[in-house]
Amino acid sequence: MCKGFVAFATFGVIALGTTSILPDRAEARCYTFKASHNGTDMFNPEGGAAGTARNKLLYSIEAWKREKRKNRVRIGKIRTRCGDWYMKYLLPHKTCTARARVCG
């Protein structure tokens, strides 16, 4: 009886160890994409730097899809964050960063 319990306990520890080492399939297929843009909104009152950062992000996701030959991917919420204004070349500029999680 004792040998059977030791063998069962050993098998249980090995099974738990291997499942914790292997990554979750859904987790292994998701990637975080990030793109930034440094620009002025002086000529685009709707927020050119944020929109350009978002467009760069979507372009990099499309390039990744073509490279990996994926037809369908799930794109999570695109979050855009912009920094403070600063002067560069006598024009007001700001840096915006767009980030999204892509699974596919």
PDB file of N, CA and C in Angstrom:
ATOM      1  N   MET A   1       0.823  -1.191   0.000  1.00  0.00           N
ATOM      2  CA  MET A   1       0.000   0.000   0.000  1.00  0.00           C
ATOM      3  C   MET A   1       0.862   1.247   0.000  1.00  0.00           C
ATOM      4  N   CYS A   2       1.946   1.240   0.730  1.00  0.00           N
ATOM      5  CA  CYS A   2       2.807   2.417   0.826  1.00  0.00           C
ATOM      6  C   CYS A   2       3.532   2.669  -0.487  1.00  0.00           C
ATOM      7  N   LYS A   3       3.974   1.595  -1.161  1.00  0.00           N
ATOM      8  CA  LYS A   3       4.669   1.777  -2.442  1.00  0.00           C
ATOM      9  C   LYS A   3       3.732   2.348  -3.498  1.00  0.00           C
ATOM     10  N   GLY A   4       2.490   1.916  -3.503  1.00  0.00           N
ATOM     11  CA  GLY A   4       1.507   2.428  -4.450  1.00  0.00           C
ATOM     12  C   GLY A   4       1.239   3.912  -4.231  1.00  0.00           C
ATOM     13  N   PHE A   5       1.166   4.320  -2.958  1.00  0.00           N
ATOM     14  CA  PHE A   5       0.929   5.729  -2.649  1.00  0.00           C
ATOM     15  C   PHE A   5       2.110   6.594  -3.076  1.00  0.00           C
ATOM     16  N   VAL A   6       3.336   6.102  -2.844  1.00  0.00           N
ATOM     17  CA  VAL A   6       4.527   6.858  -3.235  1.00  0.00           C
ATOM     18  C   VAL A   6       4.582   7.000  -4.753  1.00  0.00           C
ATOM     19  N   ALA A   7       4.262   5.947  -5.478  1.00  0.00           N
ATOM     20  CA  ALA A   7       4.268   6.007  -6.937  1.00  0.00           C
ATOM     21  C   ALA A   7       3.192   6.986  -7.417  1.00  0.00           C
ATOM     22  N   PHE A   8       2.015   6.946  -6.798  1.00  0.00           N
ATOM     23  CA  PHE A   8       0.930   7.861  -7.190  1.00  0.00           C
ATOM     24  C   PHE A   8       1.308   9.306  -6.871  1.00  0.00           C
ATOM     25  N   ALA A   9       1.924   9.548  -5.715  1.00  0.00           N
ATOM     26  CA  ALA A   9       2.325  10.903  -5.337  1.00  0.00           C
ATOM     27  C   ALA A   9       3.419  11.420  -6.275  1.00  0.00           C
ATOM     28  N   THR A  10       4.349  10.558  -6.634  1.00  0.00           N
ATOM     29  CA  THR A  10       5.413  10.950  -7.555  1.00  0.00           C
ATOM     30  C   THR A  10       4.831  11.294  -8.921  1.00  0.00           C
ATOM     31  N   PHE A  11       3.917  10.488  -9.406  1.00  0.00           N
ATOM     32  CA  PHE A  11       3.275  10.761 -10.695  1.00  0.00           C
ATOM     33  C   PHE A  11       2.518  12.085 -10.642  1.00  0.00           C
ATOM     34  N   GLY A  12       1.848  12.359  -9.531  1.00  0.00           N
ATOM     35  CA  GLY A  12       1.104  13.613  -9.378  1.00  0.00           C
ATOM     36  C   GLY A  12       2.016  14.829  -9.404  1.00  0.00           C
ATOM     37  N   VAL A  13       3.168  14.725  -8.740  1.00  0.00           N
ATOM     38  CA  VAL A  13       4.124  15.837  -8.728  1.00  0.00           C
ATOM     39  C   VAL A  13       4.687  16.057 -10.127  1.00  0.00           C
ATOM     40  N   ILE A  14       4.993  14.998 -10.841  1.00  0.00           N
ATOM     41  CA  ILE A  14       5.511  15.127 -12.203  1.00  0.00           C
ATOM     42  C   ILE A  14       4.452  15.743 -13.110  1.00  0.00           C
ATOM     43  N   ALA A  15       3.210  15.309 -12.976  1.00  0.00           N
ATOM     44  CA  ALA A  15       2.131  15.848 -13.807  1.00  0.00           C
ATOM     45  C   ALA A  15       1.918  17.332 -13.526  1.00  0.00           C
ATOM     46  N   LEU A  16       1.947  17.735 -12.268  1.00  0.00           N
ATOM     47  CA  LEU A  16       1.792  19.148 -11.929  1.00  0.00           C
ATOM     48  C   LEU A  16       2.962  19.969 -12.451  1.00  0.00           C
ATOM     49  N   GLY A  17       4.163  19.425 -12.364  1.00  0.00           N
ATOM     50  CA  GLY A  17       5.353  20.147 -12.841  1.00  0.00           C
ATOM     51  C   GLY A  17       5.326  20.372 -14.344  1.00  0.00           C
ATOM     52  N   THR A  18       4.889  19.384 -15.114  1.00  0.00           N
ATOM     53  CA  THR A  18       4.881  19.553 -16.565  1.00  0.00           C
ATOM     54  C   THR A  18       3.771  20.497 -17.019  1.00  0.00           C
ATOM     55  N   THR A  19       2.645  20.506 -16.328  1.00  0.00           N
ATOM     56  CA  THR A  19       1.582  21.417 -16.746  1.00  0.00           C
ATOM     57  C   THR A  19       1.927  22.857 -16.416  1.00  0.00           C
ATOM     58  N   SER A  20       2.697  23.102 -15.381  1.00  0.00           N
ATOM     59  CA  SER A  20       3.052  24.479 -15.059  1.00  0.00           C
ATOM     60  C   SER A  20       4.153  25.007 -15.976  1.00  0.00           C
ATOM     61  N   ILE A  21       4.940  24.133 -16.569  1.00  0.00           N
ATOM     62  CA  ILE A  21       6.010  24.559 -17.474  1.00  0.00           C
ATOM     63  C   ILE A  21       5.449  24.923 -18.843  1.00  0.00           C
ATOM     64  N   LEU A  22       4.464  24.184 -19.322  1.00  0.00           N
ATOM     65  CA  LEU A  22       3.924  24.429 -20.650  1.00  0.00           C
ATOM     66  C   LEU A  22       3.061  25.681 -20.651  1.00  0.00           C
ATOM     67  N   PRO A  23       3.242  26.579 -21.644  1.00  0.00           N
ATOM     68  CA  PRO A  23       2.420  27.786 -21.689  1.00  0.00           C
ATOM     69  C   PRO A  23       0.996  27.470 -22.139  1.00  0.00           C
ATOM     70  N   ASP A  24       0.074  28.299 -21.739  1.00  0.00           N
ATOM     71  CA  ASP A  24      -1.311  28.169 -22.169  1.00  0.00           C
ATOM     72  C   ASP A  24      -1.379  28.456 -23.665  1.00  0.00           C
ATOM     73  N   ARG A  25      -2.164  27.682 -24.407  1.00  0.00           N
ATOM     74  CA  ARG A  25      -2.205  27.850 -25.867  1.00  0.00           C
ATOM     75  C   ARG A  25      -2.716  29.222 -26.259  1.00  0.00           C
ATOM     76  N   ALA A  26      -3.732  29.708 -25.570  1.00  0.00           N
ATOM     77  CA  ALA A  26      -4.263  31.031 -25.898  1.00  0.00           C
ATOM     78  C   ALA A  26      -3.246  32.121 -25.563  1.00  0.00           C
ATOM     79  N   GLU A  27      -2.508  31.934 -24.491  1.00  0.00           N
ATOM     80  CA  GLU A  27      -1.503  32.918 -24.092  1.00  0.00           C
ATOM     81  C   GLU A  27      -0.333  32.914 -25.067  1.00  0.00           C
ATOM     82  N   ALA A  28       0.039  31.776 -25.594  1.00  0.00           N
ATOM     83  CA  ALA A  28       1.203  31.680 -26.476  1.00  0.00           C
ATOM     84  C   ALA A  28       0.944  32.318 -27.833  1.00  0.00           C
ATOM     85  N   ARG A  29      -0.307  32.502 -28.224  1.00  0.00           N
ATOM     86  CA  ARG A  29      -0.615  33.040 -29.541  1.00  0.00           C
ATOM     87  C   ARG A  29      -0.922  34.530 -29.526  1.00  0.00           C
ATOM     88  N   CYS A  30      -0.826  35.193 -28.401  1.00  0.00           N
ATOM     89  CA  CYS A  30      -1.138  36.619 -28.314  1.00  0.00           C
ATOM     90  C   CYS A  30       0.137  37.441 -28.210  1.00  0.00           C
ATOM     91  N   TYR A  31       0.140  38.557 -28.899  1.00  0.00           N
ATOM     92  CA  TYR A  31       1.292  39.448 -28.919  1.00  0.00           C
ATOM     93  C   TYR A  31       0.821  40.877 -28.686  1.00  0.00           C
ATOM     94  N   THR A  32       1.677  41.696 -28.114  1.00  0.00           N
ATOM     95  CA  THR A  32       1.371  43.104 -27.909  1.00  0.00           C
ATOM     96  C   THR A  32       2.138  43.915 -28.944  1.00  0.00           C
ATOM     97  N   PHE A  33       1.409  44.700 -29.705  1.00  0.00           N
ATOM     98  CA  PHE A  33       2.002  45.563 -30.712  1.00  0.00           C
ATOM     99  C   PHE A  33       1.987  46.996 -30.199  1.00  0.00           C
ATOM    100  N   LYS A  34       3.014  47.754 -30.573  1.00  0.00           N
ATOM    101  CA  LYS A  34       3.159  49.120 -30.099  1.00  0.00           C
ATOM    102  C   LYS A  34       3.734  49.967 -31.223  1.00  0.00           C
ATOM    103  N   ALA A  35       3.191  51.165 -31.415  1.00  0.00           N
ATOM    104  CA  ALA A  35       3.706  52.098 -32.415  1.00  0.00           C
ATOM    105  C   ALA A  35       3.595  53.501 -31.844  1.00  0.00           C
ATOM    106  N   SER A  36       4.551  54.354 -32.194  1.00  0.00           N
ATOM    107  CA  SER A  36       4.513  55.723 -31.697  1.00  0.00           C
ATOM    108  C   SER A  36       4.745  56.701 -32.837  1.00  0.00           C
ATOM    109  N   HIS A  37       4.307  57.917 -32.606  1.00  0.00           N
ATOM    110  CA  HIS A  37       4.489  58.973 -33.596  1.00  0.00           C
ATOM    111  C   HIS A  37       4.760  60.279 -32.873  1.00  0.00           C
ATOM    112  N   ASN A  38       5.729  61.008 -33.371  1.00  0.00           N
ATOM    113  CA  ASN A  38       6.094  62.302 -32.834  1.00  0.00           C
ATOM    114  C   ASN A  38       5.738  63.330 -33.892  1.00  0.00           C
ATOM    115  N   GLY A  39       4.756  64.175 -33.617  1.00  0.00           N
ATOM    116  CA  GLY A  39       4.353  65.131 -34.637  1.00  0.00           C
ATOM    117  C   GLY A  39       3.591  66.295 -34.079  1.00  0.00           C
ATOM    118  N   THR A  40       3.253  67.188 -34.982  1.00  0.00           N
ATOM    119  CA  THR A  40       2.508  68.370 -34.605  1.00  0.00           C
ATOM    120  C   THR A  40       1.047  68.217 -34.995  1.00  0.00           C
ATOM    121  N   ASP A  41       0.170  68.797 -34.190  1.00  0.00           N
ATOM    122  CA  ASP A  41      -1.256  68.811 -34.489  1.00  0.00           C
ATOM    123  C   ASP A  41      -1.682  70.177 -35.016  1.00  0.00           C
ATOM    124  N   MET A  42      -0.715  71.006 -35.335  1.00  0.00           N
ATOM    125  CA  MET A  42      -1.021  72.367 -35.748  1.00  0.00           C
ATOM    126  C   MET A  42      -1.840  72.400 -37.042  1.00  0.00           C
ATOM    127  N   PHE A  43      -1.541  71.472 -37.949  1.00  0.00           N
ATOM    128  CA  PHE A  43      -2.213  71.454 -39.239  1.00  0.00           C
ATOM    129  C   PHE A  43      -3.378  70.469 -39.275  1.00  0.00           C
ATOM    130  N   ASN A  44      -3.587  69.729 -38.195  1.00  0.00           N
ATOM    131  CA  ASN A  44      -4.674  68.758 -38.127  1.00  0.00           C
ATOM    132  C   ASN A  44      -5.380  68.901 -36.780  1.00  0.00           C
ATOM    133  N   PRO A  45      -6.433  69.684 -36.716  1.00  0.00           N
ATOM    134  CA  PRO A  45      -7.066  69.951 -35.422  1.00  0.00           C
ATOM    135  C   PRO A  45      -7.753  68.739 -34.800  1.00  0.00           C
ATOM    136  N   GLU A  46      -8.019  67.662 -35.554  1.00  0.00           N
ATOM    137  CA  GLU A  46      -8.662  66.472 -34.993  1.00  0.00           C
ATOM    138  C   GLU A  46      -7.691  65.560 -34.258  1.00  0.00           C
ATOM    139  N   GLY A  47      -6.461  65.946 -34.125  1.00  0.00           N
ATOM    140  CA  GLY A  47      -5.496  65.114 -33.400  1.00  0.00           C
ATOM    141  C   GLY A  47      -4.676  64.252 -34.324  1.00  0.00           C
ATOM    142  N   GLY A  48      -3.793  64.842 -35.083  1.00  0.00           N
ATOM    143  CA  GLY A  48      -3.008  64.124 -36.084  1.00  0.00           C
ATOM    144  C   GLY A  48      -2.019  63.136 -35.517  1.00  0.00           C
ATOM    145  N   ALA A  49      -1.365  63.470 -34.400  1.00  0.00           N
ATOM    146  CA  ALA A  49      -0.346  62.581 -33.856  1.00  0.00           C
ATOM    147  C   ALA A  49      -0.963  61.291 -33.332  1.00  0.00           C
ATOM    148  N   ALA A  50      -2.102  61.389 -32.670  1.00  0.00           N
ATOM    149  CA  ALA A  50      -2.764  60.185 -32.144  1.00  0.00           C
ATOM    150  C   ALA A  50      -3.281  59.313 -33.278  1.00  0.00           C
ATOM    151  N   GLY A  51      -3.863  59.924 -34.291  1.00  0.00           N
ATOM    152  CA  GLY A  51      -4.370  59.160 -35.434  1.00  0.00           C
ATOM    153  C   GLY A  51      -3.262  58.514 -36.229  1.00  0.00           C
ATOM    154  N   THR A  52      -2.135  59.211 -36.370  1.00  0.00           N
ATOM    155  CA  THR A  52      -1.005  58.646 -37.100  1.00  0.00           C
ATOM    156  C   THR A  52      -0.398  57.481 -36.339  1.00  0.00           C
ATOM    157  N   ALA A  53      -0.312  57.585 -35.020  1.00  0.00           N
ATOM    158  CA  ALA A  53       0.198  56.461 -34.217  1.00  0.00           C
ATOM    159  C   ALA A  53      -0.703  55.248 -34.365  1.00  0.00           C
ATOM    160  N   ARG A  54      -2.011  55.469 -34.378  1.00  0.00           N
ATOM    161  CA  ARG A  54      -2.971  54.375 -34.559  1.00  0.00           C
ATOM    162  C   ARG A  54      -2.815  53.744 -35.947  1.00  0.00           C
ATOM    163  N   ASN A  55      -2.650  54.570 -36.976  1.00  0.00           N
ATOM    164  CA  ASN A  55      -2.470  54.049 -38.334  1.00  0.00           C
ATOM    165  C   ASN A  55      -1.173  53.252 -38.461  1.00  0.00           C
ATOM    166  N   LYS A  56      -0.103  53.716 -37.826  1.00  0.00           N
ATOM    167  CA  LYS A  56       1.164  52.969 -37.844  1.00  0.00           C
ATOM    168  C   LYS A  56       0.999  51.609 -37.165  1.00  0.00           C
ATOM    169  N   LEU A  57       0.240  51.582 -36.074  1.00  0.00           N
ATOM    170  CA  LEU A  57      -0.006  50.330 -35.371  1.00  0.00           C
ATOM    171  C   LEU A  57      -0.770  49.357 -36.253  1.00  0.00           C
ATOM    172  N   LEU A  58      -1.829  49.827 -36.895  1.00  0.00           N
ATOM    173  CA  LEU A  58      -2.618  48.949 -37.767  1.00  0.00           C
ATOM    174  C   LEU A  58      -1.797  48.472 -38.960  1.00  0.00           C
ATOM    175  N   TYR A  59      -0.922  49.323 -39.487  1.00  0.00           N
ATOM    176  CA  TYR A  59      -0.058  48.920 -40.597  1.00  0.00           C
ATOM    177  C   TYR A  59       0.922  47.831 -40.158  1.00  0.00           C
ATOM    178  N   SER A  60       1.490  47.960 -38.954  1.00  0.00           N
ATOM    179  CA  SER A  60       2.430  46.930 -38.492  1.00  0.00           C
ATOM    180  C   SER A  60       1.711  45.614 -38.229  1.00  0.00           C
ATOM    181  N   ILE A  61       0.455  45.662 -37.779  1.00  0.00           N
ATOM    182  CA  ILE A  61      -0.310  44.431 -37.586  1.00  0.00           C
ATOM    183  C   ILE A  61      -0.596  43.766 -38.926  1.00  0.00           C
ATOM    184  N   GLU A  62      -0.955  44.568 -39.938  1.00  0.00           N
ATOM    185  CA  GLU A  62      -1.200  44.019 -41.276  1.00  0.00           C
ATOM    186  C   GLU A  62       0.066  43.401 -41.865  1.00  0.00           C
ATOM    187  N   ALA A  63       1.214  44.054 -41.670  1.00  0.00           N
ATOM    188  CA  ALA A  63       2.483  43.490 -42.161  1.00  0.00           C
ATOM    189  C   ALA A  63       2.797  42.179 -41.451  1.00  0.00           C
ATOM    190  N   TRP A  64       2.527  42.108 -40.154  1.00  0.00           N
ATOM    191  CA  TRP A  64       2.758  40.872 -39.403  1.00  0.00           C
ATOM    192  C   TRP A  64       1.841  39.766 -39.905  1.00  0.00           C
ATOM    193  N   LYS A  65       0.571  40.100 -40.207  1.00  0.00           N
ATOM    194  CA  LYS A  65      -0.361  39.104 -40.738  1.00  0.00           C
ATOM    195  C   LYS A  65       0.118  38.558 -42.077  1.00  0.00           C
ATOM    196  N   ARG A  66       0.622  39.443 -42.941  1.00  0.00           N
ATOM    197  CA  ARG A  66       1.137  38.981 -44.239  1.00  0.00           C
ATOM    198  C   ARG A  66       2.371  38.110 -44.058  1.00  0.00           C
ATOM    199  N   GLU A  67       3.248  38.501 -43.147  1.00  0.00           N
ATOM    200  CA  GLU A  67       4.478  37.735 -42.913  1.00  0.00           C
ATOM    201  C   GLU A  67       4.178  36.350 -42.358  1.00  0.00           C
ATOM    202  N   LYS A  68       3.236  36.262 -41.420  1.00  0.00           N
ATOM    203  CA  LYS A  68       2.894  34.983 -40.787  1.00  0.00           C
ATOM    204  C   LYS A  68       1.814  34.217 -41.547  1.00  0.00           C
ATOM    205  N   ARG A  69       1.300  34.812 -42.628  1.00  0.00           N
ATOM    206  CA  ARG A  69       0.256  34.201 -43.459  1.00  0.00           C
ATOM    207  C   ARG A  69      -0.978  33.838 -42.644  1.00  0.00           C
ATOM    208  N   LYS A  70      -1.437  34.813 -41.865  1.00  0.00           N
ATOM    209  CA  LYS A  70      -2.641  34.622 -41.062  1.00  0.00           C
ATOM    210  C   LYS A  70      -3.780  35.394 -41.712  1.00  0.00           C
ATOM    211  N   ASN A  71      -4.929  34.737 -41.811  1.00  0.00           N
ATOM    212  CA  ASN A  71      -6.091  35.386 -42.411  1.00  0.00           C
ATOM    213  C   ASN A  71      -6.901  36.159 -41.386  1.00  0.00           C
ATOM    214  N   ARG A  72      -7.106  35.567 -40.222  1.00  0.00           N
ATOM    215  CA  ARG A  72      -7.938  36.185 -39.204  1.00  0.00           C
ATOM    216  C   ARG A  72      -7.168  36.331 -37.907  1.00  0.00           C
ATOM    217  N   VAL A  73      -7.223  37.505 -37.335  1.00  0.00           N
ATOM    218  CA  VAL A  73      -6.660  37.749 -36.011  1.00  0.00           C
ATOM    219  C   VAL A  73      -7.672  38.578 -35.224  1.00  0.00           C
ATOM    220  N   ARG A  74      -7.581  38.477 -33.913  1.00  0.00           N
ATOM    221  CA  ARG A  74      -8.412  39.297 -33.030  1.00  0.00           C
ATOM    222  C   ARG A  74      -7.560  40.437 -32.501  1.00  0.00           C
ATOM    223  N   ILE A  75      -7.998  41.645 -32.765  1.00  0.00           N
ATOM    224  CA  ILE A  75      -7.288  42.829 -32.286  1.00  0.00           C
ATOM    225  C   ILE A  75      -8.067  43.370 -31.094  1.00  0.00           C
ATOM    226  N   GLY A  76      -7.380  43.469 -29.970  1.00  0.00           N
ATOM    227  CA  GLY A  76      -8.016  44.012 -28.773  1.00  0.00           C
ATOM    228  C   GLY A  76      -8.187  45.517 -28.893  1.00  0.00           C
ATOM    229  N   LYS A  77      -8.619  46.121 -27.816  1.00  0.00           N
ATOM    230  CA  LYS A  77      -8.843  47.562 -27.813  1.00  0.00           C
ATOM    231  C   LYS A  77      -7.524  48.290 -28.049  1.00  0.00           C
ATOM    232  N   ILE A  78      -7.547  49.249 -28.964  1.00  0.00           N
ATOM    233  CA  ILE A  78      -6.363  50.045 -29.259  1.00  0.00           C
ATOM    234  C   ILE A  78      -6.345  51.223 -28.298  1.00  0.00           C
ATOM    235  N   ARG A  79      -5.314  51.279 -27.495  1.00  0.00           N
ATOM    236  CA  ARG A  79      -5.180  52.359 -26.513  1.00  0.00           C
ATOM    237  C   ARG A  79      -4.132  53.343 -27.011  1.00  0.00           C
ATOM    238  N   THR A  80      -4.514  54.608 -27.044  1.00  0.00           N
ATOM    239  CA  THR A  80      -3.608  55.660 -27.492  1.00  0.00           C
ATOM    240  C   THR A  80      -3.342  56.594 -26.327  1.00  0.00           C
ATOM    241  N   ARG A  81      -2.076  56.875 -26.107  1.00  0.00           N
ATOM    242  CA  ARG A  81      -1.663  57.756 -25.019  1.00  0.00           C
ATOM    243  C   ARG A  81      -0.707  58.797 -25.586  1.00  0.00           C
ATOM    244  N   CYS A  82      -0.974  60.052 -25.274  1.00  0.00           N
ATOM    245  CA  CYS A  82      -0.139  61.147 -25.772  1.00  0.00           C
ATOM    246  C   CYS A  82       0.547  61.861 -24.610  1.00  0.00           C
ATOM    247  N   GLY A  83       1.763  62.302 -24.879  1.00  0.00           N
ATOM    248  CA  GLY A  83       2.533  63.032 -23.877  1.00  0.00           C
ATOM    249  C   GLY A  83       2.223  64.520 -23.907  1.00  0.00           C
ATOM    250  N   ASP A  84       3.020  65.269 -23.194  1.00  0.00           N
ATOM    251  CA  ASP A  84       2.839  66.713 -23.117  1.00  0.00           C
ATOM    252  C   ASP A  84       3.361  67.393 -24.377  1.00  0.00           C
ATOM    253  N   TRP A  85       2.913  68.614 -24.570  1.00  0.00           N
ATOM    254  CA  TRP A  85       3.372  69.424 -25.698  1.00  0.00           C
ATOM    255  C   TRP A  85       4.788  69.916 -25.438  1.00  0.00           C
ATOM    256  N   TYR A  86       5.588  70.016 -26.494  1.00  0.00           N
ATOM    257  CA  TYR A  86       6.913  70.626 -26.426  1.00  0.00           C
ATOM    258  C   TYR A  86       7.177  71.303 -27.766  1.00  0.00           C
ATOM    259  N   MET A  87       8.114  72.198 -27.775  1.00  0.00           N
ATOM    260  CA  MET A  87       8.424  72.966 -28.984  1.00  0.00           C
ATOM    261  C   MET A  87       9.594  72.316 -29.732  1.00  0.00           C
ATOM    262  N   LYS A  88       9.427  72.165 -31.035  1.00  0.00           N
ATOM    263  CA  LYS A  88      10.481  71.628 -31.893  1.00  0.00           C
ATOM    264  C   LYS A  88      10.336  72.333 -33.230  1.00  0.00           C
ATOM    265  N   TYR A  89      11.408  72.918 -33.719  1.00  0.00           N
ATOM    266  CA  TYR A  89      11.404  73.668 -34.980  1.00  0.00           C
ATOM    267  C   TYR A  89      10.343  74.772 -34.962  1.00  0.00           C
ATOM    268  N   LEU A  90      10.173  75.407 -33.817  1.00  0.00           N
ATOM    269  CA  LEU A  90       9.229  76.501 -33.610  1.00  0.00           C
ATOM    270  C   LEU A  90       7.769  76.078 -33.793  1.00  0.00           C
ATOM    271  N   LEU A  91       7.476  74.786 -33.725  1.00  0.00           N
ATOM    272  CA  LEU A  91       6.110  74.271 -33.814  1.00  0.00           C
ATOM    273  C   LEU A  91       5.803  73.414 -32.588  1.00  0.00           C
ATOM    274  N   PRO A  92       4.569  73.418 -32.118  1.00  0.00           N
ATOM    275  CA  PRO A  92       4.212  72.555 -30.977  1.00  0.00           C
ATOM    276  C   PRO A  92       4.099  71.096 -31.425  1.00  0.00           C
ATOM    277  N   HIS A  93       4.769  70.218 -30.708  1.00  0.00           N
ATOM    278  CA  HIS A  93       4.775  68.787 -30.998  1.00  0.00           C
ATOM    279  C   HIS A  93       4.352  68.008 -29.762  1.00  0.00           C
ATOM    280  N   LYS A  94       3.931  66.770 -29.993  1.00  0.00           N
ATOM    281  CA  LYS A  94       3.724  65.825 -28.899  1.00  0.00           C
ATOM    282  C   LYS A  94       3.948  64.415 -29.424  1.00  0.00           C
ATOM    283  N   THR A  95       4.287  63.527 -28.517  1.00  0.00           N
ATOM    284  CA  THR A  95       4.538  62.131 -28.859  1.00  0.00           C
ATOM    285  C   THR A  95       3.343  61.297 -28.414  1.00  0.00           C
ATOM    286  N   CYS A  96       2.784  60.531 -29.341  1.00  0.00           N
ATOM    287  CA  CYS A  96       1.654  59.659 -29.039  1.00  0.00           C
ATOM    288  C   CYS A  96       2.058  58.208 -29.274  1.00  0.00           C
ATOM    289  N   THR A  97       1.595  57.322 -28.417  1.00  0.00           N
ATOM    290  CA  THR A  97       1.887  55.899 -28.505  1.00  0.00           C
ATOM    291  C   THR A  97       0.569  55.129 -28.558  1.00  0.00           C
ATOM    292  N   ALA A  98       0.458  54.209 -29.498  1.00  0.00           N
ATOM    293  CA  ALA A  98      -0.706  53.341 -29.618  1.00  0.00           C
ATOM    294  C   ALA A  98      -0.276  51.913 -29.309  1.00  0.00           C
ATOM    295  N   ARG A  99      -1.120  51.190 -28.581  1.00  0.00           N
ATOM    296  CA  ARG A  99      -0.789  49.825 -28.169  1.00  0.00           C
ATOM    297  C   ARG A  99      -2.037  48.971 -28.273  1.00  0.00           C
ATOM    298  N   ALA A 100      -1.857  47.723 -28.733  1.00  0.00           N
ATOM    299  CA  ALA A 100      -2.977  46.788 -28.834  1.00  0.00           C
ATOM    300  C   ALA A 100      -2.459  45.364 -28.667  1.00  0.00           C
ATOM    301  N   ARG A 101      -3.314  44.503 -28.160  1.00  0.00           N
ATOM    302  CA  ARG A 101      -3.002  43.080 -28.018  1.00  0.00           C
ATOM    303  C   ARG A 101      -3.671  42.350 -29.178  1.00  0.00           C
ATOM    304  N   VAL A 102      -2.864  41.530 -29.874  1.00  0.00           N
ATOM    305  CA  VAL A 102      -3.346  40.826 -31.066  1.00  0.00           C
ATOM    306  C   VAL A 102      -3.209  39.331 -30.820  1.00  0.00           C
ATOM    307  N   CYS A 103      -4.283  38.598 -31.033  1.00  0.00           N
ATOM    308  CA  CYS A 103      -4.274  37.152 -30.881  1.00  0.00           C
ATOM    309  C   CYS A 103      -4.656  36.509 -32.210  1.00  0.00           C
ATOM    310  N   GLY A 104      -3.929  35.491 -32.568  1.00  0.00           N
ATOM    311  CA  GLY A 104      -4.267  34.836 -33.825  1.00  0.00           C
ATOM    312  C   GLY A 104      -3.384  33.702 -34.180  1.00  0.00           C
TER     313      GLY A 104
END
